[in-house]
Amino acid sequence: MTGNLPIKKFKIGNIEAAIWSNKRETDSGEMEFKTVSLSRSFKKKDEDIWRNESISLRRQDLTKILLVVQKAQEALFFDSDKE
């Protein structure tokens, strides 16, 4: 069985981003669009099974994701002296 493979993958540690090519039939013919999946692999405590969490995003979501993650990172670093 051959599955849909990503166009490209980027991985750091247990975090991975994959770019996918998708096709959809429209009134004017077939349309191609790309999506990104973000995933995190992990093992639960006391288990020897790898698990994976994943979300799929469209191109217009990426800028929003980058901004909110950057703001969260800033809050964690700048507020760390209050802990």
PDB file of N, CA and C in Angstrom:
ATOM      1  N   MET A   1       0.843  -1.183   0.000  1.00  0.00           N
ATOM      2  CA  MET A   1       0.000   0.000   0.000  1.00  0.00           C
ATOM      3  C   MET A   1       0.885   1.242   0.000  1.00  0.00           C
ATOM      4  N   THR A   2       0.653   2.135  -0.932  1.00  0.00           N
ATOM      5  CA  THR A   2       1.422   3.363  -1.018  1.00  0.00           C
ATOM      6  C   THR A   2       0.585   4.502  -0.479  1.00  0.00           C
ATOM      7  N   GLY A   3       1.131   5.229   0.487  1.00  0.00           N
ATOM      8  CA  GLY A   3       0.406   6.351   1.086  1.00  0.00           C
ATOM      9  C   GLY A   3       0.910   7.668   0.546  1.00  0.00           C
ATOM     10  N   ASN A   4       0.215   8.706   0.887  1.00  0.00           N
ATOM     11  CA  ASN A   4       0.621  10.048   0.525  1.00  0.00           C
ATOM     12  C   ASN A   4       1.850  10.422   1.347  1.00  0.00           C
ATOM     13  N   LEU A   5       2.927  10.773   0.690  1.00  0.00           N
ATOM     14  CA  LEU A   5       4.162  11.152   1.377  1.00  0.00           C
ATOM     15  C   LEU A   5       4.332  12.666   1.359  1.00  0.00           C
ATOM     16  N   PRO A   6       4.951  13.228   2.390  1.00  0.00           N
ATOM     17  CA  PRO A   6       5.161  14.679   2.403  1.00  0.00           C
ATOM     18  C   PRO A   6       6.164  15.110   1.338  1.00  0.00           C
ATOM     19  N   ILE A   7       6.021  16.356   0.899  1.00  0.00           N
ATOM     20  CA  ILE A   7       6.956  16.947  -0.061  1.00  0.00           C
ATOM     21  C   ILE A   7       8.305  17.165   0.610  1.00  0.00           C
ATOM     22  N   LYS A   8       8.255  17.616   1.858  1.00  0.00           N
ATOM     23  CA  LYS A   8       9.470  17.935   2.602  1.00  0.00           C
ATOM     24  C   LYS A   8       9.186  17.798   4.092  1.00  0.00           C
ATOM     25  N   LYS A   9      10.222  17.436   4.861  1.00  0.00           N
ATOM     26  CA  LYS A   9      10.117  17.331   6.318  1.00  0.00           C
ATOM     27  C   LYS A   9      11.248  18.106   6.971  1.00  0.00           C
ATOM     28  N   PHE A  10      10.950  18.666   8.142  1.00  0.00           N
ATOM     29  CA  PHE A  10      11.934  19.342   8.967  1.00  0.00           C
ATOM     30  C   PHE A  10      11.763  18.804  10.378  1.00  0.00           C
ATOM     31  N   LYS A  11      12.877  18.423  11.022  1.00  0.00           N
ATOM     32  CA  LYS A  11      12.766  17.831  12.348  1.00  0.00           C
ATOM     33  C   LYS A  11      13.879  18.334  13.255  1.00  0.00           C
ATOM     34  N   ILE A  12      13.497  18.673  14.482  1.00  0.00           N
ATOM     35  CA  ILE A  12      14.447  18.996  15.538  1.00  0.00           C
ATOM     36  C   ILE A  12      13.984  18.222  16.761  1.00  0.00           C
ATOM     37  N   GLY A  13      14.816  17.314  17.219  1.00  0.00           N
ATOM     38  CA  GLY A  13      14.436  16.497  18.369  1.00  0.00           C
ATOM     39  C   GLY A  13      13.169  15.723  18.091  1.00  0.00           C
ATOM     40  N   ASN A  14      12.178  15.898  18.946  1.00  0.00           N
ATOM     41  CA  ASN A  14      10.915  15.170  18.786  1.00  0.00           C
ATOM     42  C   ASN A  14       9.827  16.004  18.101  1.00  0.00           C
ATOM     43  N   ILE A  15      10.187  17.176  17.563  1.00  0.00           N
ATOM     44  CA  ILE A  15       9.240  18.054  16.870  1.00  0.00           C
ATOM     45  C   ILE A  15       9.493  17.981  15.371  1.00  0.00           C
ATOM     46  N   GLU A  16       8.418  17.810  14.606  1.00  0.00           N
ATOM     47  CA  GLU A  16       8.562  17.676  13.156  1.00  0.00           C
ATOM     48  C   GLU A  16       7.495  18.494  12.433  1.00  0.00           C
ATOM     49  N   ALA A  17       7.890  19.121  11.326  1.00  0.00           N
ATOM     50  CA  ALA A  17       6.958  19.796  10.418  1.00  0.00           C
ATOM     51  C   ALA A  17       7.073  19.104   9.072  1.00  0.00           C
ATOM     52  N   ALA A  18       5.946  18.824   8.460  1.00  0.00           N
ATOM     53  CA  ALA A  18       5.925  18.191   7.141  1.00  0.00           C
ATOM     54  C   ALA A  18       5.022  19.005   6.225  1.00  0.00           C
ATOM     55  N   ILE A  19       5.463  19.191   4.983  1.00  0.00           N
ATOM     56  CA  ILE A  19       4.667  19.899   3.978  1.00  0.00           C
ATOM     57  C   ILE A  19       4.022  18.856   3.068  1.00  0.00           C
ATOM     58  N   TRP A  20       2.715  19.001   2.865  1.00  0.00           N
ATOM     59  CA  TRP A  20       1.929  18.049   2.082  1.00  0.00           C
ATOM     60  C   TRP A  20       1.314  18.723   0.870  1.00  0.00           C
ATOM     61  N   SER A  21       1.234  18.001  -0.229  1.00  0.00           N
ATOM     62  CA  SER A  21       0.523  18.461  -1.411  1.00  0.00           C
ATOM     63  C   SER A  21      -0.861  17.815  -1.398  1.00  0.00           C
ATOM     64  N   ASN A  22      -1.879  18.628  -1.576  1.00  0.00           N
ATOM     65  CA  ASN A  22      -3.261  18.151  -1.568  1.00  0.00           C
ATOM     66  C   ASN A  22      -3.946  18.586  -2.849  1.00  0.00           C
ATOM     67  N   LYS A  23      -4.929  17.814  -3.280  1.00  0.00           N
ATOM     68  CA  LYS A  23      -5.693  18.165  -4.480  1.00  0.00           C
ATOM     69  C   LYS A  23      -7.172  18.135  -4.144  1.00  0.00           C
ATOM     70  N   ARG A  24      -7.888  19.069  -4.755  1.00  0.00           N
ATOM     71  CA  ARG A  24      -9.333  19.151  -4.560  1.00  0.00           C
ATOM     72  C   ARG A  24      -9.980  19.448  -5.908  1.00  0.00           C
ATOM     73  N   GLU A  25     -11.074  18.789  -6.160  1.00  0.00           N
ATOM     74  CA  GLU A  25     -11.840  19.017  -7.377  1.00  0.00           C
ATOM     75  C   GLU A  25     -12.725  20.246  -7.174  1.00  0.00           C
ATOM     76  N   THR A  26     -12.652  21.204  -8.100  1.00  0.00           N
ATOM     77  CA  THR A  26     -13.493  22.394  -8.049  1.00  0.00           C
ATOM     78  C   THR A  26     -14.283  22.483  -9.350  1.00  0.00           C
ATOM     79  N   ASP A  27     -15.164  23.457  -9.443  1.00  0.00           N
ATOM     80  CA  ASP A  27     -15.951  23.646 -10.670  1.00  0.00           C
ATOM     81  C   ASP A  27     -15.064  23.926 -11.876  1.00  0.00           C
ATOM     82  N   SER A  28     -13.903  24.559 -11.636  1.00  0.00           N
ATOM     83  CA  SER A  28     -12.992  24.896 -12.737  1.00  0.00           C
ATOM     84  C   SER A  28     -11.887  23.858 -12.930  1.00  0.00           C
ATOM     85  N   GLY A  29     -12.001  22.712 -12.290  1.00  0.00           N
ATOM     86  CA  GLY A  29     -11.004  21.648 -12.444  1.00  0.00           C
ATOM     87  C   GLY A  29     -10.323  21.320 -11.133  1.00  0.00           C
ATOM     88  N   GLU A  30      -9.245  20.576 -11.261  1.00  0.00           N
ATOM     89  CA  GLU A  30      -8.506  20.160 -10.071  1.00  0.00           C
ATOM     90  C   GLU A  30      -7.613  21.295  -9.577  1.00  0.00           C
ATOM     91  N   MET A  31      -7.611  21.497  -8.257  1.00  0.00           N
ATOM     92  CA  MET A  31      -6.816  22.551  -7.640  1.00  0.00           C
ATOM     93  C   MET A  31      -5.840  21.909  -6.666  1.00  0.00           C
ATOM     94  N   GLU A  32      -4.586  22.366  -6.694  1.00  0.00           N
ATOM     95  CA  GLU A  32      -3.590  21.874  -5.743  1.00  0.00           C
ATOM     96  C   GLU A  32      -3.386  22.918  -4.657  1.00  0.00           C
ATOM     97  N   PHE A  33      -3.272  22.468  -3.418  1.00  0.00           N
ATOM     98  CA  PHE A  33      -2.941  23.353  -2.313  1.00  0.00           C
ATOM     99  C   PHE A  33      -2.054  22.577  -1.346  1.00  0.00           C
ATOM    100  N   LYS A  34      -1.302  23.301  -0.553  1.00  0.00           N
ATOM    101  CA  LYS A  34      -0.370  22.665   0.381  1.00  0.00           C
ATOM    102  C   LYS A  34      -0.812  22.925   1.817  1.00  0.00           C
ATOM    103  N   THR A  35      -0.517  21.966   2.670  1.00  0.00           N
ATOM    104  CA  THR A  35      -0.760  22.107   4.101  1.00  0.00           C
ATOM    105  C   THR A  35       0.502  21.708   4.850  1.00  0.00           C
ATOM    106  N   VAL A  36       0.548  22.086   6.110  1.00  0.00           N
ATOM    107  CA  VAL A  36       1.678  21.736   6.967  1.00  0.00           C
ATOM    108  C   VAL A  36       1.136  20.974   8.159  1.00  0.00           C
ATOM    109  N   SER A  37       1.798  19.887   8.512  1.00  0.00           N
ATOM    110  CA  SER A  37       1.444  19.199   9.750  1.00  0.00           C
ATOM    111  C   SER A  37       2.587  19.381  10.736  1.00  0.00           C
ATOM    112  N   LEU A  38       2.224  19.715  11.967  1.00  0.00           N
ATOM    113  CA  LEU A  38       3.191  19.813  13.056  1.00  0.00           C
ATOM    114  C   LEU A  38       2.935  18.635  13.980  1.00  0.00           C
ATOM    115  N   SER A  39       4.007  17.946  14.372  1.00  0.00           N
ATOM    116  CA  SER A  39       3.808  16.803  15.259  1.00  0.00           C
ATOM    117  C   SER A  39       4.885  16.754  16.330  1.00  0.00           C
ATOM    118  N   ARG A  40       4.512  16.091  17.413  1.00  0.00           N
ATOM    119  CA  ARG A  40       5.406  15.898  18.550  1.00  0.00           C
ATOM    120  C   ARG A  40       5.319  14.441  18.951  1.00  0.00           C
ATOM    121  N   SER A  41       6.461  13.772  18.989  1.00  0.00           N
ATOM    122  CA  SER A  41       6.515  12.376  19.412  1.00  0.00           C
ATOM    123  C   SER A  41       6.949  12.313  20.869  1.00  0.00           C
ATOM    124  N   PHE A  42       6.393  11.341  21.604  1.00  0.00           N
ATOM    125  CA  PHE A  42       6.738  11.219  23.011  1.00  0.00           C
ATOM    126  C   PHE A  42       6.398   9.825  23.515  1.00  0.00           C
ATOM    127  N   LYS A  43       7.008   9.469  24.630  1.00  0.00           N
ATOM    128  CA  LYS A  43       6.677   8.241  25.346  1.00  0.00           C
ATOM    129  C   LYS A  43       6.026   8.634  26.655  1.00  0.00           C
ATOM    130  N   LYS A  44       4.925   7.964  26.991  1.00  0.00           N
ATOM    131  CA  LYS A  44       4.298   8.210  28.289  1.00  0.00           C
ATOM    132  C   LYS A  44       5.148   7.570  29.376  1.00  0.00           C
ATOM    133  N   LYS A  45       5.114   8.168  30.559  1.00  0.00           N
ATOM    134  CA  LYS A  45       5.869   7.643  31.693  1.00  0.00           C
ATOM    135  C   LYS A  45       5.449   6.196  31.949  1.00  0.00           C
ATOM    136  N   ASP A  46       6.410   5.359  32.210  1.00  0.00           N
ATOM    137  CA  ASP A  46       6.196   3.943  32.513  1.00  0.00           C
ATOM    138  C   ASP A  46       5.636   3.140  31.335  1.00  0.00           C
ATOM    139  N   GLU A  47       5.723   3.654  30.102  1.00  0.00           N
ATOM    140  CA  GLU A  47       5.296   2.910  28.921  1.00  0.00           C
ATOM    141  C   GLU A  47       6.438   2.877  27.928  1.00  0.00           C
ATOM    142  N   ASP A  48       6.485   1.845  27.139  1.00  0.00           N
ATOM    143  CA  ASP A  48       7.532   1.723  26.128  1.00  0.00           C
ATOM    144  C   ASP A  48       6.955   1.900  24.722  1.00  0.00           C
ATOM    145  N   ILE A  49       5.868   2.675  24.632  1.00  0.00           N
ATOM    146  CA  ILE A  49       5.198   2.886  23.350  1.00  0.00           C
ATOM    147  C   ILE A  49       5.361   4.349  22.945  1.00  0.00           C
ATOM    148  N   TRP A  50       5.850   4.572  21.715  1.00  0.00           N
ATOM    149  CA  TRP A  50       5.949   5.933  21.200  1.00  0.00           C
ATOM    150  C   TRP A  50       4.575   6.405  20.766  1.00  0.00           C
ATOM    151  N   ARG A  51       4.250   7.639  21.097  1.00  0.00           N
ATOM    152  CA  ARG A  51       2.972   8.243  20.718  1.00  0.00           C
ATOM    153  C   ARG A  51       3.253   9.495  19.893  1.00  0.00           C
ATOM    154  N   ASN A  52       2.237   9.976  19.198  1.00  0.00           N
ATOM    155  CA  ASN A  52       2.406  11.117  18.322  1.00  0.00           C
ATOM    156  C   ASN A  52       1.166  12.016  18.392  1.00  0.00           C
ATOM    157  N   GLU A  53       1.401  13.312  18.559  1.00  0.00           N
ATOM    158  CA  GLU A  53       0.335  14.312  18.476  1.00  0.00           C
ATOM    159  C   GLU A  53       0.577  15.129  17.218  1.00  0.00           C
ATOM    160  N   SER A  54      -0.489  15.465  16.520  1.00  0.00           N
ATOM    161  CA  SER A  54      -0.311  16.181  15.264  1.00  0.00           C
ATOM    162  C   SER A  54      -1.466  17.143  15.011  1.00  0.00           C
ATOM    163  N   ILE A  55      -1.157  18.285  14.375  1.00  0.00           N
ATOM    164  CA  ILE A  55      -2.185  19.190  13.879  1.00  0.00           C
ATOM    165  C   ILE A  55      -1.834  19.559  12.439  1.00  0.00           C
ATOM    166  N   SER A  56      -2.850  19.817  11.648  1.00  0.00           N
ATOM    167  CA  SER A  56      -2.657  20.227  10.254  1.00  0.00           C
ATOM    168  C   SER A  56      -3.041  21.684  10.113  1.00  0.00           C
ATOM    169  N   LEU A  57      -2.239  22.418   9.345  1.00  0.00           N
ATOM    170  CA  LEU A  57      -2.432  23.853   9.180  1.00  0.00           C
ATOM    171  C   LEU A  57      -2.405  24.230   7.706  1.00  0.00           C
ATOM    172  N   ARG A  58      -3.098  25.290   7.388  1.00  0.00           N
ATOM    173  CA  ARG A  58      -3.026  25.848   6.038  1.00  0.00           C
ATOM    174  C   ARG A  58      -1.981  26.956   6.022  1.00  0.00           C
ATOM    175  N   ARG A  59      -1.597  27.368   4.832  1.00  0.00           N
ATOM    176  CA  ARG A  59      -0.555  28.385   4.675  1.00  0.00           C
ATOM    177  C   ARG A  59      -0.855  29.644   5.485  1.00  0.00           C
ATOM    178  N   GLN A  60      -2.091  30.111   5.470  1.00  0.00           N
ATOM    179  CA  GLN A  60      -2.435  31.347   6.172  1.00  0.00           C
ATOM    180  C   GLN A  60      -2.364  31.207   7.688  1.00  0.00           C
ATOM    181  N   ASP A  61      -2.322  29.968   8.195  1.00  0.00           N
ATOM    182  CA  ASP A  61      -2.210  29.747   9.637  1.00  0.00           C
ATOM    183  C   ASP A  61      -0.782  29.908  10.152  1.00  0.00           C
ATOM    184  N   LEU A  62       0.218  29.728   9.300  1.00  0.00           N
ATOM    185  CA  LEU A  62       1.607  29.682   9.758  1.00  0.00           C
ATOM    186  C   LEU A  62       2.070  30.980  10.419  1.00  0.00           C
ATOM    187  N   THR A  63       1.751  32.114   9.831  1.00  0.00           N
ATOM    188  CA  THR A  63       2.148  33.391  10.422  1.00  0.00           C
ATOM    189  C   THR A  63       1.525  33.564  11.799  1.00  0.00           C
ATOM    190  N   LYS A  64       0.252  33.187  11.917  1.00  0.00           N
ATOM    191  CA  LYS A  64      -0.434  33.294  13.206  1.00  0.00           C
ATOM    192  C   LYS A  64       0.211  32.383  14.242  1.00  0.00           C
ATOM    193  N   ILE A  65       0.552  31.166  13.846  1.00  0.00           N
ATOM    194  CA  ILE A  65       1.211  30.213  14.754  1.00  0.00           C
ATOM    195  C   ILE A  65       2.548  30.775  15.222  1.00  0.00           C
ATOM    196  N   LEU A  66       3.348  31.277  14.278  1.00  0.00           N
ATOM    197  CA  LEU A  66       4.650  31.848  14.639  1.00  0.00           C
ATOM    198  C   LEU A  66       4.509  32.990  15.640  1.00  0.00           C
ATOM    199  N   LEU A  67       3.537  33.867  15.415  1.00  0.00           N
ATOM    200  CA  LEU A  67       3.360  35.019  16.304  1.00  0.00           C
ATOM    201  C   LEU A  67       2.918  34.602  17.703  1.00  0.00           C
ATOM    202  N   VAL A  68       1.935  33.696  17.794  1.00  0.00           N
ATOM    203  CA  VAL A  68       1.469  33.320  19.132  1.00  0.00           C
ATOM    204  C   VAL A  68       2.512  32.505  19.882  1.00  0.00           C
ATOM    205  N   VAL A  69       3.278  31.679  19.178  1.00  0.00           N
ATOM    206  CA  VAL A  69       4.340  30.915  19.847  1.00  0.00           C
ATOM    207  C   VAL A  69       5.442  31.856  20.314  1.00  0.00           C
ATOM    208  N   GLN A  70       5.774  32.856  19.505  1.00  0.00           N
ATOM    209  CA  GLN A  70       6.790  33.827  19.917  1.00  0.00           C
ATOM    210  C   GLN A  70       6.333  34.604  21.145  1.00  0.00           C
ATOM    211  N   LYS A  71       5.070  35.008  21.177  1.00  0.00           N
ATOM    212  CA  LYS A  71       4.542  35.731  22.341  1.00  0.00           C
ATOM    213  C   LYS A  71       4.554  34.837  23.586  1.00  0.00           C
ATOM    214  N   ALA A  72       4.198  33.575  23.418  1.00  0.00           N
ATOM    215  CA  ALA A  72       4.235  32.642  24.546  1.00  0.00           C
ATOM    216  C   ALA A  72       5.667  32.469  25.045  1.00  0.00           C
ATOM    217  N   GLN A  73       6.618  32.359  24.112  1.00  0.00           N
ATOM    218  CA  GLN A  73       8.023  32.212  24.491  1.00  0.00           C
ATOM    219  C   GLN A  73       8.502  33.451  25.237  1.00  0.00           C
ATOM    220  N   GLU A  74       8.154  34.633  24.738  1.00  0.00           N
ATOM    221  CA  GLU A  74       8.540  35.873  25.417  1.00  0.00           C
ATOM    222  C   GLU A  74       7.975  35.919  26.834  1.00  0.00           C
ATOM    223  N   ALA A  75       6.721  35.555  26.980  1.00  0.00           N
ATOM    224  CA  ALA A  75       6.098  35.568  28.301  1.00  0.00           C
ATOM    225  C   ALA A  75       6.812  34.604  29.243  1.00  0.00           C
ATOM    226  N   LEU A  76       7.166  33.440  28.744  1.00  0.00           N
ATOM    227  CA  LEU A  76       7.856  32.461  29.599  1.00  0.00           C
ATOM    228  C   LEU A  76       9.248  32.952  30.008  1.00  0.00           C
ATOM    229  N   PHE A  77       9.971  33.559  29.073  1.00  0.00           N
ATOM    230  CA  PHE A  77      11.319  34.017  29.390  1.00  0.00           C
ATOM    231  C   PHE A  77      11.306  35.282  30.250  1.00  0.00           C
ATOM    232  N   PHE A  78      10.452  36.241  29.924  1.00  0.00           N
ATOM    233  CA  PHE A  78      10.439  37.481  30.667  1.00  0.00           C
ATOM    234  C   PHE A  78       9.787  37.341  32.021  1.00  0.00           C
ATOM    235  N   ASP A  79       8.881  36.389  32.180  1.00  0.00           N
ATOM    236  CA  ASP A  79       8.213  36.167  33.454  1.00  0.00           C
ATOM    237  C   ASP A  79       8.939  35.132  34.317  1.00  0.00           C
ATOM    238  N   SER A  80      10.009  34.551  33.795  1.00  0.00           N
ATOM    239  CA  SER A  80      10.689  33.486  34.526  1.00  0.00           C
ATOM    240  C   SER A  80      11.320  33.983  35.829  1.00  0.00           C
ATOM    241  N   ASP A  81      11.672  35.255  35.896  1.00  0.00           N
ATOM    242  CA  ASP A  81      12.266  35.779  37.121  1.00  0.00           C
ATOM    243  C   ASP A  81      11.232  35.957  38.231  1.00  0.00           C
ATOM    244  N   LYS A  82       9.955  35.812  37.914  1.00  0.00           N
ATOM    245  CA  LYS A  82       8.892  35.943  38.915  1.00  0.00           C
ATOM    246  C   LYS A  82       8.554  34.591  39.557  1.00  0.00           C
ATOM    247  N   GLU A  83       9.084  33.526  39.008  1.00  0.00           N
ATOM    248  CA  GLU A  83       8.759  32.179  39.527  1.00  0.00           C
ATOM    249  C   GLU A  83       9.509  31.881  40.794  1.00  0.00           C
TER     250      GLU A  83
END
